[in-house]
Every structure is written in structure tokens, then in C-alpha cells.
Amino acid sequence: MSDIYHVIINEILSGERLIDQSFKEAAEENVAILLEDTELKKKKFEKNMLILMGITSILCVIIFVLLPKGTHLTTIDKIKEVTIVIVLLIIVTMSQTFNIMTIVLRKNQ
């Protein structure tokens, strides 16, 4: 686009023609805006991942609470309950691990 209209990227980002002395100022301002925007996006992403971790944990607790309790359970019901608990623990562990890894990898970029 800059070749077609004979403008430089900083002029496009600034929205105006730049003379030599204002070029450096505009470039620095554009970089600062870009860095600020990137940092805000990172913080929003981290916040969303932490919210997702919280929701996953709350759902796990709710499922544990809703599982049938008591001595009236048959052997098959007890096996089903144990299976549900094991699967739930695996899912929560994988989810939390994935979320933490994603946050760490994004911070290291």
C-alpha cells in the first residue's frame, strides 16, 4: 500500500505526511502506541485465562457435590462414581496445566 500511494508506513500510521524532523517523533510515538496496545492485549489474555481456570475449578467442585452419596449405591454406581471422579480430575489437571503453560509461553514472547 505504501508503494502505491508513495507514503511510508509511519505516515500511514500517523495519518499525515511527515517532514524529516517530525519523522523520528512520529516513529517513536507509533512504536509506543503499538507496545502499549500489545501489553494491554497480553494482560487481557492473562485475565481471561485466569477466569477460565477459576470457572473450571468451580465446575469441578459442583460436579463433586452433585455426585450421589450414601451407602445405598450399588457396586456399579460406585464404579461409575469413581470413574467420573478420575476423569474429572484428569480433565481439570490437563485444563489447568494448559492454561498455565499458555500464560507462561505468552509472557516469554
C-alpha atoms as a PDB file:
ATOM      1  CA  MET A   1       0.000   0.000   0.000  1.00  0.00           C
ATOM      2  CA  SER A   2       2.844   2.363   0.791  1.00  0.00           C
ATOM      3  CA  ASP A   3       4.355   1.778  -2.681  1.00  0.00           C
ATOM      4  CA  ILE A   4       1.076   2.513  -4.449  1.00  0.00           C
ATOM      5  CA  TYR A   5       0.460   5.834  -2.679  1.00  0.00           C
ATOM      6  CA  HIS A   6       4.144   6.799  -2.255  1.00  0.00           C
ATOM      7  CA  VAL A   7       3.923   7.072   1.512  1.00  0.00           C
ATOM      8  CA  ILE A   8       5.851   5.367   4.275  1.00  0.00           C
ATOM      9  CA  ILE A   9       4.370   3.167   6.961  1.00  0.00           C
ATOM     10  CA  ASN A  10       4.796   5.822   9.658  1.00  0.00           C
ATOM     11  CA  GLU A  11       2.833   8.292   7.550  1.00  0.00           C
ATOM     12  CA  ILE A  12       0.037   5.745   7.217  1.00  0.00           C
ATOM     13  CA  LEU A  13       0.032   5.085  10.961  1.00  0.00           C
ATOM     14  CA  SER A  14       0.207   8.796  11.774  1.00  0.00           C
ATOM     15  CA  GLY A  15      -2.443   9.729   9.243  1.00  0.00           C
ATOM     16  CA  GLU A  16      -0.428  12.639   7.877  1.00  0.00           C
ATOM     17  CA  ARG A  17       2.583  13.466   5.728  1.00  0.00           C
ATOM     18  CA  LEU A  18       5.758  13.694   7.754  1.00  0.00           C
ATOM     19  CA  ILE A  19       8.658  16.007   7.234  1.00  0.00           C
ATOM     20  CA  ASP A  20      12.149  14.826   8.114  1.00  0.00           C
ATOM     21  CA  GLN A  21      12.266  16.283  11.617  1.00  0.00           C
ATOM     22  CA  SER A  22       8.846  15.012  12.653  1.00  0.00           C
ATOM     23  CA  PHE A  23       9.520  11.565  11.161  1.00  0.00           C
ATOM     24  CA  LYS A  24      11.542  10.336  14.141  1.00  0.00           C
ATOM     25  CA  GLU A  25       8.981  11.654  16.635  1.00  0.00           C
ATOM     26  CA  ALA A  26       6.121  10.009  14.751  1.00  0.00           C
ATOM     27  CA  ALA A  27       8.011   6.721  14.508  1.00  0.00           C
ATOM     28  CA  GLU A  28       8.704   6.698  18.251  1.00  0.00           C
ATOM     29  CA  GLU A  29       5.094   7.573  19.026  1.00  0.00           C
ATOM     30  CA  ASN A  30       3.807   4.809  16.739  1.00  0.00           C
ATOM     31  CA  VAL A  31       6.105   2.252  18.372  1.00  0.00           C
ATOM     32  CA  ALA A  32       4.999   3.386  21.839  1.00  0.00           C
ATOM     33  CA  ILE A  33       1.329   3.050  20.869  1.00  0.00           C
ATOM     34  CA  LEU A  34       1.962  -0.398  19.413  1.00  0.00           C
ATOM     35  CA  LEU A  35       3.816  -1.581  22.532  1.00  0.00           C
ATOM     36  CA  GLU A  36       1.084  -0.245  24.801  1.00  0.00           C
ATOM     37  CA  ASP A  37      -1.605  -1.968  22.735  1.00  0.00           C
ATOM     38  CA  THR A  38       0.335  -5.244  22.791  1.00  0.00           C
ATOM     39  CA  GLU A  39       0.765  -5.048  26.561  1.00  0.00           C
ATOM     40  CA  LEU A  40      -2.951  -4.416  27.071  1.00  0.00           C
ATOM     41  CA  LYS A  41      -3.796  -7.425  24.903  1.00  0.00           C
ATOM     42  CA  LYS A  42      -1.397  -9.619  26.907  1.00  0.00           C
ATOM     43  CA  LYS A  43      -2.950  -8.528  30.197  1.00  0.00           C
ATOM     44  CA  LYS A  44      -6.458  -9.150  28.866  1.00  0.00           C
ATOM     45  CA  PHE A  45      -5.412 -12.612  27.663  1.00  0.00           C
ATOM     46  CA  GLU A  46      -3.891 -13.492  31.050  1.00  0.00           C
ATOM     47  CA  LYS A  47      -7.037 -12.272  32.820  1.00  0.00           C
ATOM     48  CA  ASN A  48      -9.226 -14.411  30.541  1.00  0.00           C
ATOM     49  CA  MET A  49      -7.066 -17.479  31.152  1.00  0.00           C
ATOM     50  CA  LEU A  50      -7.247 -16.985  34.920  1.00  0.00           C
ATOM     51  CA  ILE A  51     -11.036 -16.608  34.707  1.00  0.00           C
ATOM     52  CA  LEU A  52     -11.177 -19.836  32.699  1.00  0.00           C
ATOM     53  CA  MET A  53      -9.099 -21.584  35.359  1.00  0.00           C
ATOM     54  CA  GLY A  54     -11.481 -20.343  38.046  1.00  0.00           C
ATOM     55  CA  ILE A  55     -14.559 -21.481  36.133  1.00  0.00           C
ATOM     56  CA  THR A  56     -13.017 -24.919  35.581  1.00  0.00           C
ATOM     57  CA  SER A  57     -12.274 -25.245  39.290  1.00  0.00           C
ATOM     58  CA  ILE A  58     -15.791 -24.165  40.281  1.00  0.00           C
ATOM     59  CA  LEU A  59     -17.350 -26.640  37.850  1.00  0.00           C
ATOM     60  CA  CYS A  60     -15.181 -29.388  39.304  1.00  0.00           C
ATOM     61  CA  VAL A  61     -16.393 -28.621  42.830  1.00  0.00           C
ATOM     62  CA  ILE A  62     -20.033 -28.504  41.663  1.00  0.00           C
ATOM     63  CA  ILE A  63     -19.738 -31.910  39.987  1.00  0.00           C
ATOM     64  CA  PHE A  64     -18.172 -33.403  43.126  1.00  0.00           C
ATOM     65  CA  VAL A  65     -21.023 -32.014  45.230  1.00  0.00           C
ATOM     66  CA  LEU A  66     -23.675 -33.337  42.844  1.00  0.00           C
ATOM     67  CA  LEU A  67     -22.315 -36.884  42.788  1.00  0.00           C
ATOM     68  CA  PRO A  68     -24.631 -39.296  44.625  1.00  0.00           C
ATOM     69  CA  LYS A  69     -23.626 -40.075  48.198  1.00  0.00           C
ATOM     70  CA  GLY A  70     -24.604 -42.787  50.621  1.00  0.00           C
ATOM     71  CA  THR A  71     -24.445 -46.463  51.319  1.00  0.00           C
ATOM     72  CA  HIS A  72     -27.396 -47.281  49.091  1.00  0.00           C
ATOM     73  CA  LEU A  73     -25.192 -47.180  45.991  1.00  0.00           C
ATOM     74  CA  THR A  74     -24.708 -50.417  44.126  1.00  0.00           C
ATOM     75  CA  THR A  75     -21.273 -51.627  43.139  1.00  0.00           C
ATOM     76  CA  ILE A  76     -21.838 -50.456  39.568  1.00  0.00           C
ATOM     77  CA  ASP A  77     -22.894 -46.999  40.812  1.00  0.00           C
ATOM     78  CA  LYS A  78     -19.765 -46.795  42.965  1.00  0.00           C
ATOM     79  CA  ILE A  79     -17.586 -47.763  39.975  1.00  0.00           C
ATOM     80  CA  LYS A  80     -19.323 -45.101  37.866  1.00  0.00           C
ATOM     81  CA  GLU A  81     -18.751 -42.505  40.584  1.00  0.00           C
ATOM     82  CA  VAL A  82     -15.057 -43.352  40.901  1.00  0.00           C
ATOM     83  CA  THR A  83     -14.700 -43.280  37.104  1.00  0.00           C
ATOM     84  CA  ILE A  84     -16.364 -39.860  36.940  1.00  0.00           C
ATOM     85  CA  VAL A  85     -14.064 -38.523  39.657  1.00  0.00           C
ATOM     86  CA  ILE A  86     -10.950 -39.864  37.920  1.00  0.00           C
ATOM     87  CA  VAL A  87     -11.985 -38.483  34.511  1.00  0.00           C
ATOM     88  CA  LEU A  88     -12.891 -35.155  36.096  1.00  0.00           C
ATOM     89  CA  LEU A  89      -9.509 -34.918  37.828  1.00  0.00           C
ATOM     90  CA  ILE A  90      -7.713 -35.695  34.568  1.00  0.00           C
ATOM     91  CA  ILE A  91      -9.701 -33.061  32.664  1.00  0.00           C
ATOM     92  CA  VAL A  92      -9.163 -30.392  35.328  1.00  0.00           C
ATOM     93  CA  THR A  93      -5.451 -31.163  35.601  1.00  0.00           C
ATOM     94  CA  MET A  94      -4.999 -31.010  31.838  1.00  0.00           C
ATOM     95  CA  SER A  95      -7.015 -27.792  31.586  1.00  0.00           C
ATOM     96  CA  GLN A  96      -5.136 -26.037  34.372  1.00  0.00           C
ATOM     97  CA  THR A  97      -1.777 -27.208  33.009  1.00  0.00           C
ATOM     98  CA  PHE A  98      -2.660 -25.975  29.528  1.00  0.00           C
ATOM     99  CA  ASN A  99      -3.764 -22.586  30.872  1.00  0.00           C
ATOM    100  CA  ILE A 100      -0.614 -22.124  32.946  1.00  0.00           C
ATOM    101  CA  MET A 101       1.632 -23.185  30.056  1.00  0.00           C
ATOM    102  CA  THR A 102      -0.145 -20.765  27.725  1.00  0.00           C
ATOM    103  CA  ILE A 103       0.295 -17.863  30.148  1.00  0.00           C
ATOM    104  CA  VAL A 104       3.991 -18.654  30.676  1.00  0.00           C
ATOM    105  CA  LEU A 105       4.663 -19.016  26.941  1.00  0.00           C
ATOM    106  CA  ARG A 106       2.908 -15.732  26.178  1.00  0.00           C
ATOM    107  CA  LYS A 107       4.952 -13.937  28.852  1.00  0.00           C
ATOM    108  CA  ASN A 108       8.193 -15.271  27.373  1.00  0.00           C
ATOM    109  CA  GLN A 109       7.435 -13.979  23.866  1.00  0.00           C
END
